[in-house]
């Protein structure tokens, strides 16, 4: 295991696995989780290629920080890529990690992006979060509310033992969660859209293969919306699998991303 400092001095933990030729794969976890969440995927990918996993700031074995916005977390990934000597890696992100790798790919060379179950049109997410904001801000109710949110997202398709392993890797720190979602809580839908548009502006005029894979249908208009910012982006739905389609069918997921990369 290795630790590197991000641009603002936060200690970021990462690990490397496997080897082989071709671009490495960088795996970025979801909110409250850690690199350990990728366990079933990491081993399979590492059979044929170099794989790097990391813990975003405030997660896993990485340090706490003053800010947890998308730009700062994208900087965590960029710092790891630079320290590991990765040139144009494949980026794979789940949930929050999907938004983070999208922001990274907008500003640095990458071979591709795979975004697992993270819509980038965040207005609808604001509608879901606002009713529980007061309870998330209350230290007494935060643990129960965050647990209920993720239990609802998970769905019934994932193996209970796999879900237990995910939950054991969680680090639900209130300061971190509120920091990540501060944009959602404090900005209007139009202001959020402007931030997203700015974060994706670097895709314009570039050919970046982009796969957005969902375990629940994001709706018929989402692919068209995404292609406004990322030309040729592909939206694929594995229906009724919940928030963790990659962990419901890890072999199928690895076969799909390897096919996408080739």
Protein backbone atom coordinates (compact mmCIF):
# COMPACT_ATOMS: atom_id res chain seq x y z
CA UNK A 1 0.00 0.00 0.00
CA UNK A 2 1.08 3.59 -0.72
CA UNK A 3 0.04 7.04 0.42
CA UNK A 4 0.43 10.21 -1.60
CA UNK A 5 -0.53 13.80 -0.81
CA UNK A 6 -3.22 15.41 -2.93
CA UNK A 7 -2.66 18.97 -4.17
CA UNK A 8 -4.04 20.44 -0.92
CA UNK A 9 -1.96 18.15 1.30
CA UNK A 10 -4.53 15.45 2.12
CA UNK A 11 -3.04 11.97 2.51
CA UNK A 12 -4.57 9.59 -0.05
CA UNK A 13 -4.21 5.81 0.29
CA UNK A 14 -3.90 3.60 -2.78
CA UNK A 15 -2.90 0.07 -3.75
CA UNK A 16 -1.72 -1.60 -6.95
CA UNK A 17 -2.53 -5.10 -8.20
CA UNK A 18 -1.70 -7.26 -11.20
CA UNK A 19 0.30 -6.24 -14.21
CA UNK A 20 0.24 -6.83 -17.94
CA UNK A 21 0.40 -4.51 -20.88
CA UNK A 22 -1.95 -1.73 -21.85
CA UNK A 23 -3.53 1.06 -19.82
CA UNK A 24 -4.12 0.44 -16.13
CA UNK A 25 -7.59 0.46 -14.60
CA UNK A 26 -8.25 2.89 -11.75
CA UNK A 27 -11.23 2.00 -9.54
CA UNK A 28 -12.98 4.70 -7.46
CA UNK A 29 -15.56 3.80 -4.81
CA UNK A 30 -18.85 5.38 -3.73
CA UNK A 31 -19.69 7.69 -0.84
CA UNK A 32 -18.99 6.30 2.67
CA UNK A 33 -17.25 3.26 1.11
CA UNK A 34 -13.58 2.47 0.35
CA UNK A 35 -11.31 0.68 -2.08
CA UNK A 36 -12.14 -2.57 -0.26
CA UNK A 37 -15.61 -2.42 -1.81
CA UNK A 38 -14.04 -3.30 -5.16
CA UNK A 39 -12.64 -6.61 -3.83
CA UNK A 40 -14.59 -8.98 -6.12
CA UNK A 41 -13.75 -6.83 -9.17
CA UNK A 42 -10.12 -6.04 -8.38
CA UNK A 43 -8.99 -9.67 -8.37
CA UNK A 44 -10.70 -10.47 -11.66
CA UNK A 45 -9.31 -7.43 -13.49
CA UNK A 46 -5.83 -7.94 -12.07
CA UNK A 47 -5.57 -11.31 -13.80
CA UNK A 48 -4.81 -9.50 -17.05
CA UNK A 49 -3.94 -5.88 -16.29
CA UNK A 50 -2.56 -3.43 -13.77
CA UNK A 51 -5.25 -2.23 -11.36
CA UNK A 52 -5.09 0.69 -8.95
CA UNK A 53 -7.63 1.28 -6.18
CA UNK A 54 -7.75 4.27 -3.87
CA UNK A 55 -9.63 5.74 -0.94
CA UNK A 56 -11.01 9.22 -1.55
CA UNK A 57 -10.43 11.83 1.14
CA UNK A 58 -12.49 11.18 4.26
CA UNK A 59 -12.93 7.53 3.28
CA UNK A 60 -11.14 4.31 4.17
CA UNK A 61 -7.51 4.87 5.10
CA UNK A 62 -7.20 8.34 3.55
CA UNK A 63 -7.06 11.52 5.59
CA UNK A 64 -9.75 13.99 6.51
CA UNK A 65 -9.89 17.35 4.73
CA UNK A 66 -11.34 20.85 4.74
CA UNK A 67 -13.28 20.26 1.53
CA UNK A 68 -15.05 17.32 -0.08
CA UNK A 69 -16.29 18.83 -3.32
CA UNK A 70 -15.99 17.18 -6.71
CA UNK A 71 -12.95 19.20 -7.76
CA UNK A 72 -11.02 18.23 -4.62
CA UNK A 73 -11.84 14.54 -4.99
CA UNK A 74 -10.92 14.61 -8.67
CA UNK A 75 -7.59 15.97 -7.46
CA UNK A 76 -7.20 12.90 -5.24
CA UNK A 77 -7.48 10.64 -8.28
CA UNK A 78 -5.14 12.81 -10.34
CA UNK A 79 -2.53 12.70 -7.55
CA UNK A 80 -2.67 8.91 -7.39
CA UNK A 81 -2.39 8.60 -11.19
CA UNK A 82 0.67 10.87 -11.19
CA UNK A 83 2.34 9.10 -8.27
CA UNK A 84 1.73 5.67 -9.82
CA UNK A 85 3.01 6.84 -13.21
CA UNK A 86 -0.25 6.10 -15.03
CA UNK A 87 -0.66 7.48 -18.52
CA UNK A 88 -4.19 7.64 -19.91
CA UNK A 89 -5.71 5.00 -17.60
CA UNK A 90 -9.15 3.46 -17.83
CA UNK A 91 -11.26 5.06 -15.08
CA UNK A 92 -14.04 3.12 -13.36
CA UNK A 93 -16.20 4.77 -10.72
CA UNK A 94 -19.23 3.67 -8.74
CA UNK A 95 -21.83 6.09 -7.34
CA UNK A 96 -19.91 9.16 -6.10
CA UNK A 97 -16.86 7.62 -7.78
CA UNK A 98 -18.70 7.76 -11.10
CA UNK A 99 -19.07 11.53 -10.79
CA UNK A 100 -15.46 11.85 -9.65
CA UNK A 101 -13.96 9.91 -12.56
CA UNK A 102 -16.14 11.88 -14.98
CA UNK A 103 -14.65 15.10 -13.61
CA UNK A 104 -11.13 13.66 -13.84
CA UNK A 105 -11.62 12.56 -17.45
CA UNK A 106 -12.76 16.06 -18.33
CA UNK A 107 -9.35 17.51 -17.48
CA UNK A 108 -6.73 14.80 -18.09
CA UNK A 109 -5.98 12.17 -20.73
CA UNK A 110 -7.77 8.88 -20.16
CA UNK A 111 -8.43 5.79 -22.26
CA UNK A 112 -12.06 5.48 -21.19
CA UNK A 113 -14.61 6.03 -18.42
CA UNK A 114 -17.00 3.49 -16.93
CA UNK A 115 -19.55 5.10 -14.61
CA UNK A 116 -21.53 2.63 -12.50
CA UNK A 117 -24.97 3.75 -11.35
CA UNK A 118 -24.36 7.49 -11.03
CA UNK A 119 -26.55 9.93 -12.92
CA UNK A 120 -24.76 13.18 -13.67
CA UNK A 121 -28.00 15.17 -13.97
CA UNK A 122 -28.21 15.91 -10.27
CA UNK A 123 -31.49 17.81 -10.08
CA UNK A 124 -33.55 14.70 -9.40
CA UNK A 125 -31.10 13.67 -6.67
CA UNK A 126 -31.73 17.01 -4.96
CA UNK A 127 -35.43 16.18 -4.87
CA UNK A 128 -34.64 12.90 -3.09
CA UNK A 129 -32.24 14.39 -0.55
CA UNK A 130 -33.98 17.58 0.53
CA UNK A 131 -36.70 15.89 2.65
CA UNK A 132 -34.05 14.18 4.81
CA UNK A 133 -31.55 17.06 4.97
CA UNK A 134 -32.51 18.11 8.53
CA UNK A 135 -32.05 14.53 9.77
CA UNK A 136 -28.71 14.20 7.98
CA UNK A 137 -27.52 17.39 9.66
CA UNK A 138 -28.60 16.17 13.10
CA UNK A 139 -25.84 14.00 14.67
CA UNK A 140 -28.48 12.03 16.58
CA UNK A 141 -30.40 10.94 13.49
CA UNK A 142 -27.61 10.89 10.88
CA UNK A 143 -26.53 7.23 11.40
CA UNK A 144 -30.03 5.78 11.00
CA UNK A 145 -30.90 7.97 8.01
CA UNK A 146 -27.71 7.23 6.08
CA UNK A 147 -28.13 3.50 6.76
CA UNK A 148 -31.71 3.61 5.50
CA UNK A 149 -30.72 5.52 2.36
CA UNK A 150 -28.16 2.95 1.34
CA UNK A 151 -30.37 0.00 2.23
CA UNK A 152 -33.01 1.42 -0.11
CA UNK A 153 -30.49 1.93 -2.90
CA UNK A 154 -28.99 -1.55 -2.62
CA UNK A 155 -32.12 -3.44 -3.65
CA UNK A 156 -32.71 -7.17 -3.26
CA UNK A 157 -30.56 -8.62 -6.05
CA UNK A 158 -27.19 -8.40 -4.30
CA UNK A 159 -26.04 -11.40 -2.25
CA UNK A 160 -26.47 -10.65 1.49
CA UNK A 161 -22.89 -11.72 2.23
CA UNK A 162 -21.56 -9.37 -0.46
CA UNK A 163 -23.70 -6.56 0.90
CA UNK A 164 -22.43 -7.27 4.41
CA UNK A 165 -18.86 -6.92 3.12
CA UNK A 166 -19.74 -3.58 1.52
CA UNK A 167 -21.30 -2.35 4.74
CA UNK A 168 -18.31 -3.46 6.78
CA UNK A 169 -16.09 -1.27 4.59
CA UNK A 170 -18.27 1.79 5.15
CA UNK A 171 -17.06 4.87 7.02
CA UNK A 172 -20.19 7.01 7.34
CA UNK A 173 -18.65 10.20 8.70
CA UNK A 174 -21.23 12.97 8.93
CA UNK A 175 -18.75 15.74 8.10
CA UNK A 176 -17.71 13.96 4.92
CA UNK A 177 -21.21 13.12 3.71
CA UNK A 178 -22.45 16.67 4.31
CA UNK A 179 -19.35 18.02 2.57
CA UNK A 180 -19.91 15.88 -0.50
CA UNK A 181 -23.62 16.79 -0.69
CA UNK A 182 -23.26 20.47 0.25
CA UNK A 183 -23.68 21.47 -3.39
CA UNK A 184 -26.96 19.56 -3.54
CA UNK A 185 -28.26 21.08 -0.33
CA UNK A 186 -27.32 24.71 -0.92
CA UNK A 187 -27.67 25.33 -4.66
CA UNK A 188 -30.74 25.62 -6.82
CA UNK A 189 -31.34 23.07 -9.58
CA UNK A 190 -30.18 25.55 -12.22
CA UNK A 191 -27.02 26.35 -10.27
CA UNK A 192 -26.29 22.63 -9.90
CA UNK A 193 -26.78 22.17 -13.64
CA UNK A 194 -24.26 24.96 -14.28
CA UNK A 195 -21.68 23.28 -12.01
CA UNK A 196 -22.17 19.94 -13.80
CA UNK A 197 -21.90 21.62 -17.19
CA UNK A 198 -18.63 23.22 -16.13
CA UNK A 199 -17.28 19.94 -14.76
CA UNK A 200 -17.99 18.19 -18.07
CA UNK A 201 -16.86 21.02 -20.37
CA UNK A 202 -13.50 19.36 -20.98
CA UNK A 203 -15.12 16.53 -22.94
CA UNK A 204 -16.04 18.89 -25.77
CA UNK A 205 -14.23 18.06 -29.00
CA UNK A 206 -12.57 14.94 -27.52
CA UNK A 207 -13.15 11.27 -28.24
CA UNK A 208 -13.46 9.70 -24.78
CA UNK A 209 -15.21 6.30 -24.75
CA UNK A 210 -17.80 6.55 -21.98
CA UNK A 211 -20.05 3.80 -20.62
CA UNK A 212 -22.72 4.61 -18.04
CA UNK A 213 -24.00 1.36 -16.54
CA UNK A 214 -27.08 1.29 -14.32
CA UNK A 215 -28.81 -1.29 -12.16
CA UNK A 216 -32.02 0.77 -12.34
CA UNK A 217 -33.34 2.61 -15.38
CA UNK A 218 -32.32 6.32 -15.31
CA UNK A 219 -35.16 7.14 -17.69
CA UNK A 220 -35.55 7.43 -21.47
CA UNK A 221 -34.14 10.93 -21.70
CA UNK A 222 -30.90 10.38 -19.83
CA UNK A 223 -28.74 9.10 -22.69
CA UNK A 224 -29.66 12.10 -24.82
CA UNK A 225 -28.90 14.44 -21.94
CA UNK A 226 -25.51 12.80 -21.34
CA UNK A 227 -24.56 12.97 -25.01
CA UNK A 228 -25.01 16.74 -24.94
CA UNK A 229 -21.80 16.81 -22.91
CA UNK A 230 -20.01 13.56 -23.83
CA UNK A 231 -20.27 12.71 -27.51
CA UNK A 232 -21.04 9.04 -28.14
CA UNK A 233 -21.65 8.17 -24.47
CA UNK A 234 -23.37 4.81 -24.04
CA UNK A 235 -26.05 4.21 -21.40
CA UNK A 236 -26.68 0.58 -20.54
CA UNK A 237 -29.20 -0.77 -18.02
CA UNK A 238 -29.05 -4.11 -16.22
CA UNK A 239 -32.60 -3.92 -14.88
CA UNK A 240 -33.67 -4.64 -11.32
CA UNK A 241 -30.14 -5.03 -9.94
CA UNK A 242 -30.13 -1.99 -7.66
CA UNK A 243 -27.17 0.24 -6.91
CA UNK A 244 -24.48 -2.46 -7.17
CA UNK A 245 -24.88 -4.21 -10.54
CA UNK A 246 -21.12 -4.79 -10.69
CA UNK A 247 -21.22 -6.71 -7.41
CA UNK A 248 -24.36 -8.66 -8.25
CA UNK A 249 -22.62 -10.09 -11.33
CA UNK A 250 -18.87 -9.39 -10.99
CA UNK A 251 -17.78 -11.76 -13.77
CA UNK A 252 -20.35 -10.31 -16.16
CA UNK A 253 -19.21 -6.81 -15.21
CA UNK A 254 -15.53 -7.56 -15.83
CA UNK A 255 -16.34 -9.18 -19.17
CA UNK A 256 -18.38 -6.11 -20.12
CA UNK A 257 -15.70 -3.56 -19.27
CA UNK A 258 -12.97 -5.62 -20.92
CA UNK A 259 -15.13 -5.76 -24.04
CA UNK A 260 -15.73 -2.03 -23.85
CA UNK A 261 -12.01 -1.36 -23.47
CA UNK A 262 -11.14 -3.48 -26.48
